[in-house]
Protein backbone atom coordinates (compact mmCIF):
# COMPACT_ATOMS: atom_id res chain seq x y z
CA UNK A 1 -29.78 -31.05 -22.96
CA UNK A 2 -30.62 -27.77 -21.28
CA UNK A 3 -33.35 -24.59 -22.17
CA UNK A 4 -30.89 -21.93 -22.69
CA UNK A 5 -27.02 -22.05 -23.28
CA UNK A 6 -26.87 -19.32 -20.80
CA UNK A 7 -29.47 -18.18 -17.86
CA UNK A 8 -29.16 -14.68 -16.14
CA UNK A 9 -30.94 -13.66 -12.82
CA UNK A 10 -31.09 -9.82 -12.85
CA UNK A 11 -31.66 -7.52 -15.99
CA UNK A 12 -29.46 -4.55 -14.29
CA UNK A 13 -27.11 -2.95 -16.10
CA UNK A 14 -24.43 -6.11 -15.93
CA UNK A 15 -27.07 -8.53 -16.60
CA UNK A 16 -27.83 -6.63 -19.94
CA UNK A 17 -24.85 -6.01 -21.30
CA UNK A 18 -23.43 -10.05 -20.27
CA UNK A 19 -27.17 -11.52 -21.68
CA UNK A 20 -26.59 -9.66 -24.62
CA UNK A 21 -23.45 -9.86 -25.62
CA UNK A 22 -23.30 -13.71 -25.44
CA UNK A 23 -26.45 -13.65 -27.55
CA UNK A 24 -24.80 -12.01 -30.60
CA UNK A 25 -22.29 -14.47 -30.24
CA UNK A 26 -25.42 -17.31 -31.15
CA UNK A 27 -26.13 -18.39 -27.40
CA UNK A 28 -29.43 -19.21 -26.78
CA UNK A 29 -29.90 -16.37 -24.18
CA UNK A 30 -32.86 -15.75 -20.77
CA UNK A 31 -32.96 -13.23 -17.96
CA UNK A 32 -34.95 -13.35 -14.89
CA UNK A 33 -36.20 -10.56 -13.46
CA UNK A 34 -38.91 -9.81 -11.20
CA UNK A 35 -39.11 -5.65 -11.34
CA UNK A 36 -38.32 -3.11 -13.65
CA UNK A 37 -35.44 -3.87 -16.39
CA UNK A 38 -32.53 -1.68 -15.68
CA UNK A 39 -31.75 -2.19 -12.40
CA UNK A 40 -29.71 0.13 -9.79
CA UNK A 41 -27.89 2.58 -12.23
CA UNK A 42 -31.05 3.09 -14.59
CA UNK A 43 -33.78 3.20 -12.09
CA UNK A 44 -32.44 4.28 -8.63
CA UNK A 45 -29.13 5.10 -9.22
CA UNK A 46 -26.38 6.34 -11.35
CA UNK A 47 -29.15 7.82 -13.97
CA UNK A 48 -31.58 9.36 -11.87
CA UNK A 49 -29.01 10.62 -9.48
CA UNK A 50 -27.50 12.83 -12.52
CA UNK A 51 -30.40 13.79 -13.21
CA UNK A 52 -30.94 15.70 -9.75
CA UNK A 53 -27.16 16.92 -10.18
CA UNK A 54 -27.76 18.38 -13.05
CA UNK A 55 -30.74 19.94 -11.69
CA UNK A 56 -29.44 21.57 -8.58
CA UNK A 57 -26.47 23.06 -10.77
CA UNK A 58 -28.64 25.18 -12.11
CA UNK A 59 -29.00 27.21 -8.82
CA UNK A 60 -24.89 28.35 -8.98
CA UNK A 61 -25.20 28.90 -13.16
CA UNK A 62 -27.78 31.07 -11.96
CA UNK A 63 -26.44 33.02 -9.58
CA UNK A 64 -22.92 33.02 -11.36
CA UNK A 65 -24.61 34.72 -14.16
CA UNK A 66 -24.74 37.65 -12.74
CA UNK A 67 -20.47 38.13 -12.86
CA UNK A 68 -21.54 37.93 -16.68
CA UNK A 69 -23.70 40.72 -17.18
CA UNK A 70 -27.16 38.69 -16.94
CA UNK A 71 -30.02 39.64 -14.49
CA UNK A 72 -32.35 36.29 -14.04
CA UNK A 73 -35.20 37.89 -11.82
CA UNK A 74 -38.02 35.13 -10.14
CA UNK A 75 -35.76 32.29 -10.62
CA UNK A 76 -37.31 29.34 -7.99
CA UNK A 77 -36.75 25.21 -8.44
CA UNK A 78 -40.14 23.49 -8.83
CA UNK A 79 -39.06 19.81 -6.42
CA UNK A 80 -42.32 18.43 -7.98
CA UNK A 81 -41.33 19.11 -12.03
CA UNK A 82 -38.08 17.87 -11.42
CA UNK A 83 -38.96 14.67 -9.88
CA UNK A 84 -41.91 14.24 -12.76
CA UNK A 85 -39.61 15.13 -15.48
CA UNK A 86 -36.54 12.28 -14.17
CA UNK A 87 -39.39 9.66 -13.98
CA UNK A 88 -40.46 9.94 -17.48
CA UNK A 89 -36.87 9.68 -18.50
CA UNK A 90 -36.49 6.12 -16.68
CA UNK A 91 -39.52 4.78 -18.28
CA UNK A 92 -37.63 5.92 -21.33
CA UNK A 93 -34.99 4.02 -21.10
CA UNK A 94 -36.42 1.13 -19.01
CA UNK A 95 -38.43 0.72 -22.39
CA UNK A 96 -34.98 1.31 -24.44
CA UNK A 97 -33.93 -1.57 -21.98
CA UNK A 98 -36.08 -4.25 -22.87
CA UNK A 99 -36.15 -2.93 -26.78
CA UNK A 100 -32.33 -3.84 -26.44
CA UNK A 101 -33.03 -7.27 -25.25
CA UNK A 102 -35.43 -8.34 -27.57
CA UNK A 103 -33.28 -6.79 -30.49
CA UNK A 104 -30.30 -9.31 -29.54
CA UNK A 105 -33.09 -12.35 -29.22
CA UNK A 106 -32.66 -12.72 -25.38
CA UNK A 107 -36.04 -13.82 -23.62
CA UNK A 108 -37.08 -12.25 -20.56
CA UNK A 109 -38.62 -14.55 -17.99
CA UNK A 110 -40.85 -13.18 -15.81
CA UNK A 111 -40.35 -13.50 -12.20
CA UNK A 112 -37.91 -14.00 -8.97
CA UNK A 113 -35.02 -16.63 -9.81
CA UNK A 114 -34.23 -19.26 -7.21
CA UNK A 115 -30.78 -21.22 -7.96
CA UNK A 116 -31.42 -24.98 -7.57
CA UNK A 117 -28.70 -27.04 -8.70
CA UNK A 118 -25.66 -26.35 -10.99
CA UNK A 119 -28.16 -26.03 -14.40
CA UNK A 120 -31.16 -24.93 -12.43
CA UNK A 121 -33.37 -22.05 -12.07
CA UNK A 122 -36.65 -22.17 -10.64
CA UNK A 123 -38.36 -18.79 -11.64
CA UNK A 124 -41.54 -18.52 -9.58
CA UNK A 125 -42.21 -22.60 -9.21
CA UNK A 126 -41.29 -23.39 -12.74
CA UNK A 127 -37.77 -25.03 -13.58
CA UNK A 128 -35.54 -23.34 -16.12
CA UNK A 129 -32.15 -25.40 -17.03
CA UNK A 130 -29.23 -23.87 -18.85
CA UNK A 131 -25.60 -24.71 -19.49
CA UNK A 132 -24.54 -21.51 -17.91
CA UNK A 133 -25.74 -19.68 -14.90
CA UNK A 134 -25.01 -15.64 -14.27
CA UNK A 135 -25.80 -13.80 -11.49
CA UNK A 136 -25.87 -10.67 -11.47
CA UNK A 137 -28.79 -9.19 -9.61
CA UNK A 138 -26.69 -6.28 -7.38
CA UNK A 139 -27.35 -4.67 -4.26
CA UNK A 140 -29.43 -2.67 -2.05
CA UNK A 141 -28.72 -0.36 0.51
CA UNK A 142 -28.07 -0.87 4.53
CA UNK A 143 -29.65 0.05 7.32
CA UNK A 144 -28.32 -1.07 10.97
CA UNK A 145 -31.00 -2.47 13.63
CA UNK A 146 -31.15 0.56 15.96
CA UNK A 147 -34.62 1.59 16.84
CA UNK A 148 -36.14 3.71 14.99
CA UNK A 149 -34.55 2.65 12.03
CA UNK A 150 -37.86 2.72 10.16
CA UNK A 151 -38.30 5.97 9.98
CA UNK A 152 -35.32 6.59 7.70
CA UNK A 153 -35.52 6.54 3.59
CA UNK A 154 -32.30 5.56 1.57
CA UNK A 155 -30.81 6.31 -1.85
CA UNK A 156 -34.09 4.59 -3.25
CA UNK A 157 -36.64 6.60 -1.46
CA UNK A 158 -34.50 10.36 -1.60
CA UNK A 159 -34.92 9.93 -5.67
CA UNK A 160 -38.59 10.35 -5.42
CA UNK A 161 -39.20 12.57 -2.40
CA UNK A 162 -42.85 14.43 -2.87
CA UNK A 163 -41.12 17.44 -1.30
CA UNK A 164 -38.15 19.12 -0.65
CA UNK A 165 -37.15 18.63 2.68
CA UNK A 166 -35.94 22.13 5.51
CA UNK A 167 -33.68 19.95 7.20
CA UNK A 168 -32.23 16.37 6.38
CA UNK A 169 -29.57 14.49 8.44
CA UNK A 170 -27.65 11.86 6.25
CA UNK A 171 -26.14 9.36 7.56
CA UNK A 172 -22.52 8.61 5.88
CA UNK A 173 -19.80 10.10 4.25
CA UNK A 174 -19.29 7.53 1.39
CA UNK A 175 -20.45 8.15 -2.91
CA UNK A 176 -23.90 8.30 -2.01
CA UNK A 177 -24.38 10.35 1.00
CA UNK A 178 -21.83 13.47 -0.40
CA UNK A 179 -23.53 13.50 -3.09
CA UNK A 180 -27.14 13.61 -1.73
CA UNK A 181 -26.01 15.93 0.63
CA UNK A 182 -24.61 18.04 -2.29
CA UNK A 183 -28.45 17.78 -3.97
CA UNK A 184 -30.20 18.53 -1.62
CA UNK A 185 -27.96 21.66 0.08
CA UNK A 186 -27.72 23.34 -3.46
CA UNK A 187 -31.62 23.06 -3.64
CA UNK A 188 -31.49 24.69 -0.46
CA UNK A 189 -31.94 22.29 2.37
CA UNK A 190 -30.39 22.54 5.77
CA UNK A 191 -28.43 19.64 5.79
CA UNK A 192 -26.20 17.30 8.76
CA UNK A 193 -23.37 15.06 7.29
CA UNK A 194 -22.90 12.37 10.48
CA UNK A 195 -20.01 10.58 9.84
CA UNK A 196 -18.45 7.68 12.06
CA UNK A 197 -15.02 8.89 11.20
CA UNK A 198 -12.68 12.14 10.81
CA UNK A 199 -13.34 12.67 6.93
CA UNK A 200 -15.50 11.67 4.32
CA UNK A 201 -15.03 8.84 1.21
CA UNK A 202 -12.88 6.84 2.49
CA UNK A 203 -10.44 5.22 0.08
CA UNK A 204 -10.06 8.18 -2.30
CA UNK A 205 -6.41 10.21 -1.75
CA UNK A 206 -6.07 12.55 1.32
CA UNK A 207 -5.69 15.52 -0.72
CA UNK A 208 -9.24 14.98 -2.11
CA UNK A 209 -11.30 14.12 0.99
CA UNK A 210 -9.74 17.35 2.42
CA UNK A 211 -10.35 19.63 -0.75
CA UNK A 212 -13.83 18.35 -1.23
CA UNK A 213 -14.81 18.60 2.88
CA UNK A 214 -13.61 21.95 3.20
CA UNK A 215 -15.60 23.19 0.04
CA UNK A 216 -18.74 21.72 0.89
CA UNK A 217 -18.48 23.11 4.73
CA UNK A 218 -18.14 26.53 3.11
CA UNK A 219 -20.98 26.10 0.71
CA UNK A 220 -23.23 25.15 4.33
CA UNK A 221 -23.22 21.28 5.14
CA UNK A 222 -22.77 20.90 8.46
CA UNK A 223 -20.14 18.10 9.77
CA UNK A 224 -20.62 15.66 12.75
CA UNK A 225 -17.20 13.69 13.30
CA UNK A 226 -16.21 10.35 15.37
CA UNK A 227 -20.36 9.70 16.03
CA UNK A 228 -23.04 7.37 15.23
CA UNK A 229 -26.42 7.40 15.21
CA UNK A 230 -28.02 5.01 18.20
CA UNK A 231 -31.75 6.02 17.73
CA UNK A 232 -34.53 7.80 15.82
CA UNK A 233 -37.72 9.26 17.37
CA UNK A 234 -40.46 10.93 15.75
CA UNK A 235 -41.39 14.15 16.82
CA UNK A 236 -45.11 15.98 16.23
CA UNK A 237 -42.89 17.48 13.50
CA UNK A 238 -39.78 15.60 12.07
CA UNK A 239 -37.56 13.08 13.80
CA UNK A 240 -34.96 13.34 16.48
CA UNK A 241 -31.22 11.75 15.79
CA UNK A 242 -29.34 11.15 19.08
CA UNK A 243 -25.61 10.56 18.32
CA UNK A 244 -23.02 8.75 20.56
CA UNK A 245 -21.91 12.16 21.26
CA UNK A 246 -25.39 12.49 23.57
CA UNK A 247 -26.53 15.02 21.10
CA UNK A 248 -29.72 15.02 19.81
CA UNK A 249 -30.28 16.74 16.09
CA UNK A 250 -33.97 17.43 15.32
CA UNK A 251 -34.63 17.63 11.78
CA UNK A 252 -37.66 17.06 8.97
CA UNK A 253 -36.19 13.87 7.46
CA UNK A 254 -33.25 11.35 8.10
CA UNK A 255 -31.79 9.33 5.34
CA UNK A 256 -28.86 6.67 5.60
CA UNK A 257 -25.76 5.91 3.51
CA UNK A 258 -23.65 3.63 5.28
CA UNK A 259 -23.16 1.01 2.24
CA UNK A 260 -24.62 -1.32 -0.25
CA UNK A 261 -25.10 -5.51 0.52
CA UNK A 262 -25.46 -7.75 -1.95
CA UNK A 263 -28.81 -9.04 -3.05
CA UNK A 264 -28.57 -12.84 -2.49
CA UNK A 265 -30.97 -13.58 0.38
CA UNK A 266 -33.42 -15.30 -1.70
CA UNK A 267 -31.07 -17.22 -4.47
CA UNK A 268 -30.81 -20.10 -2.12
CA UNK A 269 -27.14 -20.40 -2.99
CA UNK A 270 -26.65 -22.28 0.89
CA UNK A 271 -28.75 -25.03 0.24
CA UNK A 272 -26.75 -25.54 -2.71
CA UNK A 273 -23.15 -24.47 -1.45
CA UNK A 274 -22.05 -21.65 -2.83
CA UNK A 275 -19.68 -20.00 -0.79
CA UNK A 276 -20.19 -16.16 0.29
CA UNK A 277 -19.12 -13.98 2.33
CA UNK A 278 -20.30 -12.89 5.95
CA UNK A 279 -22.42 -9.69 4.36
CA UNK A 280 -24.02 -12.69 1.44
CA UNK A 281 -21.25 -11.60 -1.50
CA UNK A 282 -20.88 -14.51 -3.48
CA UNK A 283 -17.00 -15.29 -4.34
CA UNK A 284 -15.54 -15.74 -7.14
CA UNK A 285 -12.61 -16.04 -9.06
CA UNK A 286 -10.67 -14.00 -11.75
CA UNK A 287 -13.06 -15.95 -14.45
CA UNK A 288 -15.79 -14.55 -12.38
CA UNK A 289 -16.69 -18.40 -11.57
CA UNK A 290 -18.12 -19.75 -8.66
CA UNK A 291 -16.80 -23.00 -7.24
CA UNK A 292 -19.91 -24.68 -8.87
CA UNK A 293 -17.84 -23.99 -12.81
CA UNK A 294 -21.53 -23.24 -14.33
CA UNK A 295 -22.48 -21.25 -12.22
CA UNK A 296 -21.06 -17.48 -12.24
CA UNK A 297 -21.26 -13.95 -10.66
CA UNK A 298 -20.74 -10.21 -11.54
CA UNK A 299 -21.20 -6.65 -10.06
CA UNK A 300 -22.16 -5.40 -6.94
CA UNK A 301 -23.14 -8.89 -5.40
CA UNK A 302 -19.52 -10.08 -5.60
CA UNK A 303 -18.87 -7.04 -3.67
CA UNK A 304 -15.42 -5.92 -5.48
CA UNK A 305 -16.48 -2.33 -7.25
CA UNK A 306 -19.50 -1.27 -6.61
CA UNK A 307 -19.34 0.51 -10.11
CA UNK A 308 -21.78 0.49 -12.93
CA UNK A 309 -19.35 0.39 -15.50
CA UNK A 310 -17.67 -2.72 -13.72
CA UNK A 311 -20.49 -5.03 -13.69
CA UNK A 312 -20.98 -4.38 -17.18
CA UNK A 313 -17.15 -5.00 -18.69
CA UNK A 314 -17.32 -8.03 -16.46
CA UNK A 315 -19.95 -9.46 -17.51
CA UNK A 316 -19.42 -8.82 -21.57
CA UNK A 317 -16.02 -10.44 -20.45
CA UNK A 318 -17.57 -13.41 -19.51
CA UNK A 319 -19.74 -13.59 -22.39
CA UNK A 320 -16.31 -13.07 -24.40
CA UNK A 321 -14.80 -15.54 -22.91
CA UNK A 322 -17.57 -18.16 -22.73
CA UNK A 323 -19.05 -17.99 -26.43
CA UNK A 324 -16.34 -16.25 -28.07
CA UNK A 325 -13.06 -17.79 -27.30
CA UNK A 326 -11.41 -14.72 -26.15
CA UNK A 327 -9.73 -15.19 -22.46
CA UNK A 328 -9.09 -11.63 -21.78
CA UNK A 329 -9.06 -10.14 -18.32
CA UNK A 330 -10.01 -7.06 -16.64
CA UNK A 331 -7.93 -4.28 -15.36
CA UNK A 332 -8.86 -3.31 -12.20
CA UNK A 333 -5.60 -1.06 -11.22
CA UNK A 334 -6.52 2.20 -13.35
CA UNK A 335 -10.10 2.40 -12.96
CA UNK A 336 -11.59 5.90 -13.44
CA UNK A 337 -14.39 6.63 -11.12
CA UNK A 338 -16.12 10.23 -10.38
CA UNK A 339 -18.19 11.46 -7.38
CA UNK A 340 -20.79 13.96 -8.48
CA UNK A 341 -20.81 15.72 -5.37
CA UNK A 342 -20.10 19.50 -5.38
CA UNK A 343 -17.51 20.36 -6.06
CA UNK A 344 -17.37 17.53 -8.64
CA UNK A 345 -14.22 14.84 -7.85
CA UNK A 346 -12.96 12.35 -10.93
CA UNK A 347 -9.68 9.78 -9.93
CA UNK A 348 -7.79 7.02 -11.55
CA UNK A 349 -5.44 4.78 -10.63
CA UNK A 350 -2.94 4.94 -7.25
CA UNK A 351 -3.82 7.47 -4.49
CA UNK A 352 -0.86 8.79 -2.90
CA UNK A 353 -1.59 6.55 0.01
CA UNK A 354 -1.35 3.79 -2.21
CA UNK A 355 1.46 4.75 -3.86
CA UNK A 356 3.72 5.00 -1.01
CA UNK A 357 2.69 2.14 0.61
CA UNK A 358 3.68 -0.03 -3.15
CA UNK A 359 6.38 1.90 -4.23
CA UNK A 360 9.91 2.60 -2.87
CA UNK A 361 10.08 6.40 -3.60
CA UNK A 362 7.13 8.32 -5.60
CA UNK A 363 6.94 12.17 -6.93
CA UNK A 364 3.61 14.24 -6.08
CA UNK A 365 2.60 16.82 -8.30
CA UNK A 366 0.03 19.16 -6.97
CA UNK A 367 -2.08 22.32 -8.61
CA UNK A 368 -4.21 24.76 -6.50
CA UNK A 369 -6.26 27.76 -8.13
CA UNK A 370 -9.18 29.43 -8.97
CA UNK A 371 -10.85 28.50 -12.24
CA UNK A 372 -10.85 31.33 -14.33
CA UNK A 373 -14.78 31.71 -14.45
CA UNK A 374 -15.06 32.25 -10.60
CA UNK A 375 -12.46 35.80 -11.44
CA UNK A 376 -15.74 37.28 -12.95
CA UNK A 377 -18.46 35.61 -10.51
CA UNK A 378 -16.86 36.26 -7.10
CA UNK A 379 -17.29 32.61 -5.91
CA UNK A 380 -14.47 31.55 -3.93
CA UNK A 381 -13.82 27.98 -4.81
CA UNK A 382 -10.42 26.02 -5.94
CA UNK A 383 -9.94 23.49 -8.20
CA UNK A 384 -7.43 20.88 -6.93
CA UNK A 385 -5.40 18.41 -9.64
CA UNK A 386 -2.73 16.31 -8.75
CA UNK A 387 -0.28 13.60 -10.31
CA UNK A 388 1.53 10.52 -8.27
CA UNK A 389 4.48 9.52 -10.35
CA UNK A 390 6.59 6.60 -9.56
CA UNK A 391 10.31 8.36 -9.29
CA UNK A 392 11.83 5.07 -10.46
CA UNK A 393 10.43 4.66 -13.63
CA UNK A 394 8.20 8.16 -14.20
CA UNK A 395 5.18 6.06 -14.78
CA UNK A 396 2.01 8.21 -13.97
CA UNK A 397 0.41 5.85 -11.35
CA UNK A 398 -2.85 7.67 -10.65
CA UNK A 399 -4.45 11.39 -11.50
CA UNK A 400 -6.89 13.24 -9.14
CA UNK A 401 -9.31 16.27 -9.61
CA UNK A 402 -11.70 18.37 -7.74
CA UNK A 403 -13.56 20.58 -9.51
CA UNK A 404 -16.02 21.28 -12.29
CA UNK A 405 -16.12 18.60 -15.42
CA UNK A 406 -13.48 16.64 -13.50
CA UNK A 407 -15.48 13.44 -14.51
CA UNK A 408 -14.98 14.19 -18.58
CA UNK A 409 -11.46 14.70 -17.64
CA UNK A 410 -9.94 12.19 -15.85
CA UNK A 411 -11.66 9.64 -18.48
CA UNK A 412 -9.93 10.66 -20.97
CA UNK A 413 -6.72 10.20 -18.53
CA UNK A 414 -7.39 7.25 -18.11
CA UNK A 415 -6.53 5.76 -21.04
CA UNK A 416 -2.97 7.28 -21.18
CA UNK A 417 -2.36 5.47 -17.63
CA UNK A 418 -4.02 2.63 -18.84
CA UNK A 419 -1.05 2.88 -21.73
CA UNK A 420 1.75 3.39 -19.03
CA UNK A 421 1.97 7.21 -19.39
CA UNK A 422 5.01 8.62 -18.26
CA UNK A 423 5.42 11.89 -16.75
CA UNK A 424 7.91 12.89 -19.08
CA UNK A 425 4.83 12.34 -22.01
CA UNK A 426 2.43 14.53 -19.62
CA UNK A 427 5.41 16.98 -19.54
CA UNK A 428 5.81 16.73 -24.03
CA UNK A 429 2.01 17.26 -24.67
CA UNK A 430 0.84 20.54 -25.69
CA UNK A 431 -1.25 22.23 -23.25
CA UNK A 432 -5.03 23.42 -24.87
CA UNK A 433 -5.55 27.02 -23.48
CA UNK A 434 -7.39 28.42 -22.37
CA UNK A 435 -8.58 24.91 -20.31
CA UNK A 436 -8.79 23.93 -16.32
CA UNK A 437 -7.16 20.28 -18.13
CA UNK A 438 -4.37 21.74 -19.20
CA UNK A 439 -2.71 22.15 -15.72
CA UNK A 440 -2.01 18.14 -16.17
CA UNK A 441 0.37 18.85 -18.43
CA UNK A 442 1.79 22.27 -17.19
CA UNK A 443 2.39 21.05 -13.50
CA UNK A 444 6.64 20.42 -13.87
CA UNK A 445 8.01 21.24 -10.44
CA UNK A 446 7.07 18.31 -7.68
CA UNK A 447 5.69 19.63 -4.33
CA UNK A 448 8.33 19.65 -1.77
CA UNK A 449 5.88 18.64 1.24
């Protein structure tokens, strides 16, 4: 009856993962993509950003090496070379994604897809039919409508700057803003972070937010709080950012990192009655179905959890249900995440604030200490580790860390917390010494504040 069993729109991480999984079970699958295969994560997000994080980190390593007897003379950074090598890696990864689709038997249809019916997608004027349609078109950076907005860049352009700016003003306080502020300031750009509220990283644990903001300020990042930009003007050299406070910031570059919005504007969803929210996000149930049961959506386009592993997990879960009779549901309550700012953040489970709203009584275990490495480097920095525990059941509800390798450590703790580990079981676990991670199993006394 149909050209394909599954037709996916969008060859990003979620679309590729779901299409491959469906094809593994024998489904006839095609994926529609107008641009490069790989999507935001591979081409404009997680991967290139993390490569820039690695590049910036060497500055600290070179400075710290002196404390261990190394003399490194003449070290300098070549921004252009970093961008060049980063781009070569992205081309390699794009080729790998294309090969994975080919090896899985997934047909790639080049063009822009538009949904025209419950089982129909128009691809550059040609109608393709499928029993099921999966929308995985991701999201794009949000830009407000203020005078001079045409002068700014977003994270997309920041990944390919021709040169490192001497000064940059970054608008926003979320993942992307804090990560790029850390990258660019570490590499030498005078960086100002403009926040609409008092603190960065809304939704994260309060202790984490405070610790990271303090460390970022100590590293030279300048903060403007409780203000927003009202206009951006081009100067003879650089730009002027006027804030709601009346202050004018002169800078070489202005970057907006104030969130992302779903890529649904050109999909024709209104015409067939697909329900969307005000920002264009597709409304789905816990089976990733729209109200038209043959049309599904996963990842950023639903605007629930804008994280690559979530898009992948949702798409695979959908493929399992449709083509392997495996109707498992995902758990979002123990979703681990990391922010690759400096210092790094890793977190899983409930924040202290959320736990206090949900549980009658909780216990907090907290440790702050100087890492062993910096007893020789002299660098003034502190690691923060924190556990949130339900007092009634002793179950660990959340784990949070600020410091080097936080992401690597929290990933392992996510397994324990997903399994329902108790604080007693943490205490009974023998520490791996000397390591920073051992602090998670040696925190014995709850905080009294």
